[in-house]
Amino acid sequence: MGLPRTFVGFSSTDIHYYRLMLAWKAREHIDFNFVDCQLSSEINSEDEAYIKRKCRERINMAGKYVMLIGADTRYKYKYVRWEAEVAIEKECTIIGVNLDGSRQIVETTCPPIIRDVGAIVVPYSPKIIAYALEKCQMKESGNYYYKDEVYQKLGY
């Protein structure tokens, strides 16, 4: 099976978590890999329509959409929520990643746009994110999480 084509959405305040995911991907001894569909370089533009058009092109290339969920993610409407809307419209598999380490949805931080859409929610950790990228299938609705047995099998 090929690597999952993935778009990662995140608040600008959480960019260091995204960069760490890229470091995991680059490290040979960490079993974590995906085809990164982010924009290859930061867009030097203030034109919202242009930026959104470029993001839509990348999301349309992806089959998976990972949203890094930090303290302020739920308040990021201009791009983060919009990216999630595009991913849902495209029928990407949605994976919510709690930066606080929670294994289930956290109502106070999870953006409403990815609640009850059949997404899986996991903590920010390479093994479980890699597992979700490989194994996760969208459900019809609801919020899903892996049971303790999955974490034990992965060595947590």
C-alpha atoms as a PDB file:
ATOM      1  CA  MET A   1       0.000   0.000   0.000  1.00  0.00           C
ATOM      2  CA  GLY A   2       1.275   3.496  -0.869  1.00  0.00           C
ATOM      3  CA  LEU A   3       1.879   6.221   1.608  1.00  0.00           C
ATOM      4  CA  PRO A   4      -1.147   8.297   2.543  1.00  0.00           C
ATOM      5  CA  ARG A   5      -1.338  11.665   0.779  1.00  0.00           C
ATOM      6  CA  THR A   6      -1.939  14.017   3.688  1.00  0.00           C
ATOM      7  CA  PHE A   7      -2.752  17.662   4.231  1.00  0.00           C
ATOM      8  CA  VAL A   8      -2.053  18.941   7.747  1.00  0.00           C
ATOM      9  CA  GLY A   9      -4.107  21.865   9.049  1.00  0.00           C
ATOM     10  CA  PHE A  10      -2.971  23.822  12.092  1.00  0.00           C
ATOM     11  CA  SER A  11      -3.051  27.187  13.788  1.00  0.00           C
ATOM     12  CA  SER A  12      -0.012  29.326  13.056  1.00  0.00           C
ATOM     13  CA  THR A  13       0.756  29.203  16.790  1.00  0.00           C
ATOM     14  CA  ASP A  14       1.250  25.423  16.442  1.00  0.00           C
ATOM     15  CA  ILE A  15       3.582  25.383  13.425  1.00  0.00           C
ATOM     16  CA  HIS A  16       6.385  23.877  15.537  1.00  0.00           C
ATOM     17  CA  TYR A  17       4.255  20.728  16.008  1.00  0.00           C
ATOM     18  CA  TYR A  18       3.892  20.422  12.235  1.00  0.00           C
ATOM     19  CA  ARG A  19       7.650  20.887  11.806  1.00  0.00           C
ATOM     20  CA  LEU A  20       8.255  18.150  14.376  1.00  0.00           C
ATOM     21  CA  MET A  21       6.004  15.831  12.328  1.00  0.00           C
ATOM     22  CA  LEU A  22       8.249  16.544   9.330  1.00  0.00           C
ATOM     23  CA  ALA A  23      11.261  15.654  11.494  1.00  0.00           C
ATOM     24  CA  TRP A  24       9.592  12.355  12.467  1.00  0.00           C
ATOM     25  CA  LYS A  25       9.073  11.692   8.771  1.00  0.00           C
ATOM     26  CA  ALA A  26      12.747  12.374   8.040  1.00  0.00           C
ATOM     27  CA  ARG A  27      14.082  10.122  10.816  1.00  0.00           C
ATOM     28  CA  GLU A  28      14.679   6.576   9.614  1.00  0.00           C
ATOM     29  CA  HIS A  29      14.254   4.937  13.023  1.00  0.00           C
ATOM     30  CA  ILE A  30      10.757   6.394  13.487  1.00  0.00           C
ATOM     31  CA  ASP A  31       8.095   4.493  11.545  1.00  0.00           C
ATOM     32  CA  PHE A  32       6.172   7.562  10.443  1.00  0.00           C
ATOM     33  CA  ASN A  33       5.709   8.540   6.832  1.00  0.00           C
ATOM     34  CA  PHE A  34       3.208  10.213   4.559  1.00  0.00           C
ATOM     35  CA  VAL A  35       3.184  12.211   1.334  1.00  0.00           C
ATOM     36  CA  ASP A  36       3.052  15.810   2.528  1.00  0.00           C
ATOM     37  CA  CYS A  37       0.512  17.864   0.545  1.00  0.00           C
ATOM     38  CA  GLN A  38       1.289  21.176   2.243  1.00  0.00           C
ATOM     39  CA  LEU A  39       2.262  24.090   0.068  1.00  0.00           C
ATOM     40  CA  SER A  40       5.914  23.662  -0.821  1.00  0.00           C
ATOM     41  CA  SER A  41       6.759  27.136   0.423  1.00  0.00           C
ATOM     42  CA  GLU A  42       4.955  29.830   2.314  1.00  0.00           C
ATOM     43  CA  ILE A  43       2.816  31.962   0.067  1.00  0.00           C
ATOM     44  CA  ASN A  44       4.049  35.513   0.063  1.00  0.00           C
ATOM     45  CA  SER A  45       0.627  37.031  -0.482  1.00  0.00           C
ATOM     46  CA  GLU A  46      -2.148  38.796   1.385  1.00  0.00           C
ATOM     47  CA  ASP A  47      -4.695  37.733  -1.248  1.00  0.00           C
ATOM     48  CA  GLU A  48      -7.063  35.434   0.649  1.00  0.00           C
ATOM     49  CA  ALA A  49      -8.703  34.075  -2.528  1.00  0.00           C
ATOM     50  CA  TYR A  50      -5.303  33.181  -4.009  1.00  0.00           C
ATOM     51  CA  ILE A  51      -4.138  31.494  -0.807  1.00  0.00           C
ATOM     52  CA  LYS A  52      -7.372  29.507  -0.539  1.00  0.00           C
ATOM     53  CA  ARG A  53      -7.167  28.462  -4.192  1.00  0.00           C
ATOM     54  CA  LYS A  54      -3.631  27.136  -3.651  1.00  0.00           C
ATOM     55  CA  CYS A  55      -4.665  25.323  -0.438  1.00  0.00           C
ATOM     56  CA  ARG A  56      -7.697  23.783  -2.186  1.00  0.00           C
ATOM     57  CA  GLU A  57      -5.399  22.412  -4.910  1.00  0.00           C
ATOM     58  CA  ARG A  58      -3.284  20.705  -2.236  1.00  0.00           C
ATOM     59  CA  ILE A  59      -6.234  19.382  -0.255  1.00  0.00           C
ATOM     60  CA  ASN A  60      -7.691  17.977  -3.483  1.00  0.00           C
ATOM     61  CA  MET A  61      -4.460  15.967  -3.874  1.00  0.00           C
ATOM     62  CA  ALA A  62      -4.866  14.463  -0.392  1.00  0.00           C
ATOM     63  CA  GLY A  63      -6.898  11.521   0.856  1.00  0.00           C
ATOM     64  CA  LYS A  64      -6.233  12.307   4.526  1.00  0.00           C
ATOM     65  CA  TYR A  65      -6.676  15.535   6.434  1.00  0.00           C
ATOM     66  CA  VAL A  66      -4.920  15.853   9.795  1.00  0.00           C
ATOM     67  CA  MET A  67      -5.950  18.738  12.027  1.00  0.00           C
ATOM     68  CA  LEU A  68      -3.535  19.580  14.812  1.00  0.00           C
ATOM     69  CA  ILE A  69      -5.767  20.698  17.683  1.00  0.00           C
ATOM     70  CA  GLY A  70      -4.144  23.161  20.042  1.00  0.00           C
ATOM     71  CA  ALA A  71      -5.453  25.705  22.517  1.00  0.00           C
ATOM     72  CA  ASP A  72      -6.595  28.224  19.883  1.00  0.00           C
ATOM     73  CA  THR A  73      -7.386  26.002  16.877  1.00  0.00           C
ATOM     74  CA  ARG A  74     -11.147  26.187  17.379  1.00  0.00           C
ATOM     75  CA  TYR A  75     -10.969  29.972  16.916  1.00  0.00           C
ATOM     76  CA  LYS A  76      -9.107  29.888  13.593  1.00  0.00           C
ATOM     77  CA  TYR A  77     -11.864  30.436  11.053  1.00  0.00           C
ATOM     78  CA  LYS A  78     -10.140  32.142   8.129  1.00  0.00           C
ATOM     79  CA  TYR A  79      -7.977  29.205   7.061  1.00  0.00           C
ATOM     80  CA  VAL A  80      -8.044  26.267   9.503  1.00  0.00           C
ATOM     81  CA  ARG A  81     -11.820  25.870   9.586  1.00  0.00           C
ATOM     82  CA  TRP A  82     -12.019  26.577   5.858  1.00  0.00           C
ATOM     83  CA  GLU A  83      -9.394  23.871   5.127  1.00  0.00           C
ATOM     84  CA  ALA A  84     -11.420  21.380   7.189  1.00  0.00           C
ATOM     85  CA  GLU A  85     -14.570  22.312   5.253  1.00  0.00           C
ATOM     86  CA  VAL A  86     -12.765  21.665   1.968  1.00  0.00           C
ATOM     87  CA  ALA A  87     -11.408  18.331   3.267  1.00  0.00           C
ATOM     88  CA  ILE A  88     -14.892  17.248   4.373  1.00  0.00           C
ATOM     89  CA  GLU A  89     -16.362  18.331   1.036  1.00  0.00           C
ATOM     90  CA  LYS A  90     -13.648  16.304  -0.735  1.00  0.00           C
ATOM     91  CA  GLU A  91     -14.429  13.335   1.577  1.00  0.00           C
ATOM     92  CA  CYS A  92     -10.934  13.077   3.001  1.00  0.00           C
ATOM     93  CA  THR A  93     -10.401  10.872   6.023  1.00  0.00           C
ATOM     94  CA  ILE A  94     -10.311  13.311   8.954  1.00  0.00           C
ATOM     95  CA  ILE A  95      -7.865  12.748  11.810  1.00  0.00           C
ATOM     96  CA  GLY A  96      -7.965  15.131  14.762  1.00  0.00           C
ATOM     97  CA  VAL A  97      -4.690  15.264  16.695  1.00  0.00           C
ATOM     98  CA  ASN A  98      -4.852  16.605  20.242  1.00  0.00           C
ATOM     99  CA  LEU A  99      -1.702  18.523  21.070  1.00  0.00           C
ATOM    100  CA  ASP A 100      -2.539  18.198  24.770  1.00  0.00           C
ATOM    101  CA  GLY A 101      -2.125  14.397  24.565  1.00  0.00           C
ATOM    102  CA  SER A 102      -5.804  13.511  25.008  1.00  0.00           C
ATOM    103  CA  ARG A 103      -6.924  10.277  23.356  1.00  0.00           C
ATOM    104  CA  GLN A 104     -10.501  11.441  22.799  1.00  0.00           C
ATOM    105  CA  ILE A 105     -12.264  14.562  21.627  1.00  0.00           C
ATOM    106  CA  VAL A 106     -11.855  17.527  23.958  1.00  0.00           C
ATOM    107  CA  GLU A 107     -14.964  19.677  23.635  1.00  0.00           C
ATOM    108  CA  THR A 108     -13.216  22.854  24.801  1.00  0.00           C
ATOM    109  CA  THR A 109     -10.514  22.737  22.099  1.00  0.00           C
ATOM    110  CA  CYS A 110     -11.885  20.671  19.200  1.00  0.00           C
ATOM    111  CA  PRO A 111     -13.275  22.850  16.399  1.00  0.00           C
ATOM    112  CA  PRO A 112     -16.977  22.158  15.822  1.00  0.00           C
ATOM    113  CA  ILE A 113     -16.335  21.649  12.094  1.00  0.00           C
ATOM    114  CA  ILE A 114     -14.742  18.223  12.701  1.00  0.00           C
ATOM    115  CA  ARG A 115     -17.088  17.076  15.466  1.00  0.00           C
ATOM    116  CA  ASP A 116     -19.636  14.402  14.650  1.00  0.00           C
ATOM    117  CA  VAL A 117     -18.364  13.911  11.087  1.00  0.00           C
ATOM    118  CA  GLY A 118     -16.979  10.405  11.624  1.00  0.00           C
ATOM    119  CA  ALA A 119     -13.399  11.474  12.323  1.00  0.00           C
ATOM    120  CA  ILE A 120     -10.904   9.690  14.558  1.00  0.00           C
ATOM    121  CA  VAL A 121      -9.196  11.650  17.353  1.00  0.00           C
ATOM    122  CA  VAL A 122      -5.730  10.712  18.631  1.00  0.00           C
ATOM    123  CA  PRO A 123      -3.014  12.294  20.774  1.00  0.00           C
ATOM    124  CA  TYR A 124       0.034  13.967  19.264  1.00  0.00           C
ATOM    125  CA  SER A 125       2.495  11.066  19.069  1.00  0.00           C
ATOM    126  CA  PRO A 126       4.175   9.496  16.023  1.00  0.00           C
ATOM    127  CA  LYS A 127       3.084   5.868  16.486  1.00  0.00           C
ATOM    128  CA  ILE A 128      -0.635   6.540  16.886  1.00  0.00           C
ATOM    129  CA  ILE A 129      -0.731   9.197  14.157  1.00  0.00           C
ATOM    130  CA  ALA A 130       1.068   6.815  11.788  1.00  0.00           C
ATOM    131  CA  TYR A 131      -1.391   4.067  12.743  1.00  0.00           C
ATOM    132  CA  ALA A 132      -4.353   6.366  12.073  1.00  0.00           C
ATOM    133  CA  LEU A 133      -2.899   7.488   8.731  1.00  0.00           C
ATOM    134  CA  GLU A 134      -2.577   3.856   7.672  1.00  0.00           C
ATOM    135  CA  LYS A 135      -5.692   2.276   9.198  1.00  0.00           C
ATOM    136  CA  CYS A 136      -8.347   4.951   9.752  1.00  0.00           C
ATOM    137  CA  GLN A 137     -11.569   4.881   7.736  1.00  0.00           C
ATOM    138  CA  MET A 138     -14.202   7.585   8.059  1.00  0.00           C
ATOM    139  CA  LYS A 139     -17.458   6.676   9.771  1.00  0.00           C
ATOM    140  CA  GLU A 140     -20.862   8.103   8.855  1.00  0.00           C
ATOM    141  CA  SER A 141     -20.985  10.384  11.897  1.00  0.00           C
ATOM    142  CA  GLY A 142     -19.861  10.638  15.494  1.00  0.00           C
ATOM    143  CA  ASN A 143     -16.475  11.068  17.128  1.00  0.00           C
ATOM    144  CA  TYR A 144     -14.162   8.086  17.294  1.00  0.00           C
ATOM    145  CA  TYR A 145     -11.045   7.163  19.192  1.00  0.00           C
ATOM    146  CA  TYR A 146      -8.898   4.065  19.543  1.00  0.00           C
ATOM    147  CA  LYS A 147      -9.380   1.820  22.550  1.00  0.00           C
ATOM    148  CA  ASP A 148      -6.572   1.160  25.013  1.00  0.00           C
ATOM    149  CA  GLU A 149      -5.772  -2.165  23.308  1.00  0.00           C
ATOM    150  CA  VAL A 150      -4.568  -0.334  20.193  1.00  0.00           C
ATOM    151  CA  TYR A 151      -2.245   1.849  22.249  1.00  0.00           C
ATOM    152  CA  GLN A 152      -0.929  -1.190  24.142  1.00  0.00           C
ATOM    153  CA  LYS A 153      -0.257  -2.985  20.858  1.00  0.00           C
ATOM    154  CA  LEU A 154       1.722   0.054  19.703  1.00  0.00           C
ATOM    155  CA  GLY A 155       3.800   0.096  22.909  1.00  0.00           C
ATOM    156  CA  TYR A 156       2.135   2.936  24.796  1.00  0.00           C
END
